[in-house]
């Protein structure tokens, strides 16, 4: 985990909103940072977050080079996050919302 480049998609507690109260994404991000991951996040509704002593600013989904990350983790399935782009461009995907489910099975996509 240490040194891995990870992009977390979505930090809001549910899709389509900007509320982060009680969002499980924050705990996941905090754990990844504590394990030494180089983590960035994208959330069109949450411009910045404070997690585990780190101030993080959202990167723009539309401009993000998904292939530059070791892992892209979909935590909140905002409608802006295009499943087809995620499957096509990311090297490894952890889909916690089954947003890619309708596209079929792919070796580099893990669905939980």
C-alpha atoms as a PDB file:
ATOM      1  CA  UNK A   1       0.000   0.000   0.000  1.00  0.00           C
ATOM      2  CA  UNK A   2       2.822   2.375   0.881  1.00  0.00           C
ATOM      3  CA  UNK A   3       3.524   4.697  -2.023  1.00  0.00           C
ATOM      4  CA  UNK A   4       0.609   3.447  -4.142  1.00  0.00           C
ATOM      5  CA  UNK A   5      -1.213   6.140  -6.094  1.00  0.00           C
ATOM      6  CA  UNK A   6      -4.923   5.848  -5.328  1.00  0.00           C
ATOM      7  CA  UNK A   7      -7.853   7.891  -6.570  1.00  0.00           C
ATOM      8  CA  UNK A   8     -10.988   7.741  -4.436  1.00  0.00           C
ATOM      9  CA  UNK A   9     -14.157   8.612  -6.317  1.00  0.00           C
ATOM     10  CA  UNK A  10     -16.815  10.222  -4.140  1.00  0.00           C
ATOM     11  CA  UNK A  11     -16.704  11.133  -0.467  1.00  0.00           C
ATOM     12  CA  UNK A  12     -20.337  12.142   0.116  1.00  0.00           C
ATOM     13  CA  UNK A  13     -22.503   9.764   2.118  1.00  0.00           C
ATOM     14  CA  UNK A  14     -24.689   9.051  -0.930  1.00  0.00           C
ATOM     15  CA  UNK A  15     -24.806   9.770  -4.635  1.00  0.00           C
ATOM     16  CA  UNK A  16     -25.987  13.158  -5.808  1.00  0.00           C
ATOM     17  CA  UNK A  17     -25.368  15.061  -2.565  1.00  0.00           C
ATOM     18  CA  UNK A  18     -22.481  16.991  -1.032  1.00  0.00           C
ATOM     19  CA  UNK A  19     -23.020  15.977   2.591  1.00  0.00           C
ATOM     20  CA  UNK A  20     -20.074  14.081   4.099  1.00  0.00           C
ATOM     21  CA  UNK A  21     -21.507  13.573   7.587  1.00  0.00           C
ATOM     22  CA  UNK A  22     -21.228   9.906   8.576  1.00  0.00           C
ATOM     23  CA  UNK A  23     -19.739   9.026   5.196  1.00  0.00           C
ATOM     24  CA  UNK A  24     -17.859   5.713   5.327  1.00  0.00           C
ATOM     25  CA  UNK A  25     -15.613   7.041   2.543  1.00  0.00           C
ATOM     26  CA  UNK A  26     -13.833   9.260   5.071  1.00  0.00           C
ATOM     27  CA  UNK A  27     -12.802   6.276   7.210  1.00  0.00           C
ATOM     28  CA  UNK A  28     -11.579   4.388   4.161  1.00  0.00           C
ATOM     29  CA  UNK A  29      -9.550   7.374   2.974  1.00  0.00           C
ATOM     30  CA  UNK A  30      -8.092   7.905   6.445  1.00  0.00           C
ATOM     31  CA  UNK A  31      -7.035   4.251   6.610  1.00  0.00           C
ATOM     32  CA  UNK A  32      -5.421   4.357   3.164  1.00  0.00           C
ATOM     33  CA  UNK A  33      -3.501   7.514   4.091  1.00  0.00           C
ATOM     34  CA  UNK A  34      -2.364   5.936   7.371  1.00  0.00           C
ATOM     35  CA  UNK A  35      -1.005   2.987   5.378  1.00  0.00           C
ATOM     36  CA  UNK A  36       1.111   5.312   3.258  1.00  0.00           C
ATOM     37  CA  UNK A  37      -0.982   5.610   0.109  1.00  0.00           C
ATOM     38  CA  UNK A  38      -0.585   8.689  -2.061  1.00  0.00           C
ATOM     39  CA  UNK A  39      -4.276   9.427  -2.178  1.00  0.00           C
ATOM     40  CA  UNK A  40      -6.290  11.929  -4.154  1.00  0.00           C
ATOM     41  CA  UNK A  41     -10.044  12.115  -4.419  1.00  0.00           C
ATOM     42  CA  UNK A  42     -12.613  13.400  -6.871  1.00  0.00           C
ATOM     43  CA  UNK A  43     -16.049  14.547  -5.818  1.00  0.00           C
ATOM     44  CA  UNK A  44     -17.913  17.187  -7.826  1.00  0.00           C
ATOM     45  CA  UNK A  45     -19.954  18.174  -4.768  1.00  0.00           C
ATOM     46  CA  UNK A  46     -17.242  18.259  -2.088  1.00  0.00           C
ATOM     47  CA  UNK A  47     -14.352  20.605  -2.973  1.00  0.00           C
ATOM     48  CA  UNK A  48     -12.169  19.745   0.026  1.00  0.00           C
ATOM     49  CA  UNK A  49     -12.026  17.498   3.072  1.00  0.00           C
ATOM     50  CA  UNK A  50      -9.999  17.264   6.253  1.00  0.00           C
ATOM     51  CA  UNK A  51      -9.066  13.640   6.992  1.00  0.00           C
ATOM     52  CA  UNK A  52      -6.551  12.337   9.504  1.00  0.00           C
ATOM     53  CA  UNK A  53      -4.736  15.653   9.708  1.00  0.00           C
ATOM     54  CA  UNK A  54      -4.579  15.999   5.915  1.00  0.00           C
ATOM     55  CA  UNK A  55      -6.361  18.702   3.924  1.00  0.00           C
ATOM     56  CA  UNK A  56      -7.288  17.235   0.549  1.00  0.00           C
ATOM     57  CA  UNK A  57      -8.739  19.088  -2.415  1.00  0.00           C
ATOM     58  CA  UNK A  58     -10.888  17.385  -4.995  1.00  0.00           C
ATOM     59  CA  UNK A  59      -9.365  16.758  -8.403  1.00  0.00           C
ATOM     60  CA  UNK A  60     -11.539  17.293 -11.452  1.00  0.00           C
ATOM     61  CA  UNK A  61     -13.023  13.999 -12.647  1.00  0.00           C
ATOM     62  CA  UNK A  62     -13.144  15.140 -16.270  1.00  0.00           C
ATOM     63  CA  UNK A  63      -9.417  15.907 -16.351  1.00  0.00           C
ATOM     64  CA  UNK A  64      -8.196  13.031 -14.169  1.00  0.00           C
ATOM     65  CA  UNK A  65      -5.790  10.638 -15.892  1.00  0.00           C
ATOM     66  CA  UNK A  66      -7.203   7.395 -14.484  1.00  0.00           C
ATOM     67  CA  UNK A  67      -4.341   5.346 -15.937  1.00  0.00           C
ATOM     68  CA  UNK A  68      -1.868   7.249 -13.746  1.00  0.00           C
ATOM     69  CA  UNK A  69      -3.243   5.637 -10.585  1.00  0.00           C
ATOM     70  CA  UNK A  70      -2.408   2.192  -9.259  1.00  0.00           C
ATOM     71  CA  UNK A  71      -6.002   1.887  -8.041  1.00  0.00           C
ATOM     72  CA  UNK A  72      -9.249   3.787  -8.523  1.00  0.00           C
ATOM     73  CA  UNK A  73     -11.789   3.149  -5.753  1.00  0.00           C
ATOM     74  CA  UNK A  74     -15.408   4.052  -6.415  1.00  0.00           C
ATOM     75  CA  UNK A  75     -16.859   4.944  -3.006  1.00  0.00           C
ATOM     76  CA  UNK A  76     -19.867   7.098  -3.948  1.00  0.00           C
ATOM     77  CA  UNK A  77     -21.526   6.575  -7.317  1.00  0.00           C
ATOM     78  CA  UNK A  78     -22.220  10.162  -8.325  1.00  0.00           C
ATOM     79  CA  UNK A  79     -23.891  10.333 -11.754  1.00  0.00           C
ATOM     80  CA  UNK A  80     -20.878  12.217 -13.147  1.00  0.00           C
ATOM     81  CA  UNK A  81     -18.630   9.183 -12.698  1.00  0.00           C
ATOM     82  CA  UNK A  82     -18.983   7.366 -16.005  1.00  0.00           C
ATOM     83  CA  UNK A  83     -18.653   3.602 -15.472  1.00  0.00           C
ATOM     84  CA  UNK A  84     -17.534   3.013 -19.076  1.00  0.00           C
ATOM     85  CA  UNK A  85     -14.686   5.518 -18.701  1.00  0.00           C
ATOM     86  CA  UNK A  86     -13.701   3.987 -15.399  1.00  0.00           C
ATOM     87  CA  UNK A  87     -13.489   0.487 -16.906  1.00  0.00           C
ATOM     88  CA  UNK A  88     -11.759   1.690 -20.055  1.00  0.00           C
ATOM     89  CA  UNK A  89      -9.108   3.980 -18.520  1.00  0.00           C
ATOM     90  CA  UNK A  90      -8.251   2.722 -15.021  1.00  0.00           C
ATOM     91  CA  UNK A  91      -5.629   0.018 -14.524  1.00  0.00           C
ATOM     92  CA  UNK A  92      -7.346  -1.439 -11.442  1.00  0.00           C
ATOM     93  CA  UNK A  93     -10.817  -0.604 -10.126  1.00  0.00           C
ATOM     94  CA  UNK A  94     -12.437  -1.396  -6.797  1.00  0.00           C
ATOM     95  CA  UNK A  95     -16.145  -0.790  -7.355  1.00  0.00           C
ATOM     96  CA  UNK A  96     -17.924  -0.654  -3.999  1.00  0.00           C
ATOM     97  CA  UNK A  97     -21.254   0.404  -5.571  1.00  0.00           C
ATOM     98  CA  UNK A  98     -21.552  -2.023  -8.511  1.00  0.00           C
ATOM     99  CA  UNK A  99     -21.672   0.965 -10.844  1.00  0.00           C
ATOM    100  CA  UNK A 100     -19.814  -1.068 -13.474  1.00  0.00           C
ATOM    101  CA  UNK A 101     -22.032  -4.134 -13.092  1.00  0.00           C
ATOM    102  CA  UNK A 102     -24.115  -3.574 -16.212  1.00  0.00           C
ATOM    103  CA  UNK A 103     -20.946  -3.449 -18.327  1.00  0.00           C
ATOM    104  CA  UNK A 104     -20.041  -7.070 -17.590  1.00  0.00           C
ATOM    105  CA  UNK A 105     -17.029  -8.643 -15.950  1.00  0.00           C
ATOM    106  CA  UNK A 106     -13.481  -7.414 -16.383  1.00  0.00           C
ATOM    107  CA  UNK A 107     -10.277  -8.841 -14.924  1.00  0.00           C
ATOM    108  CA  UNK A 108      -9.156  -5.436 -13.627  1.00  0.00           C
ATOM    109  CA  UNK A 109     -12.476  -4.577 -11.943  1.00  0.00           C
ATOM    110  CA  UNK A 110     -13.214  -5.879  -8.453  1.00  0.00           C
ATOM    111  CA  UNK A 111     -16.833  -5.507  -7.345  1.00  0.00           C
ATOM    112  CA  UNK A 112     -17.759  -5.655  -3.677  1.00  0.00           C
END
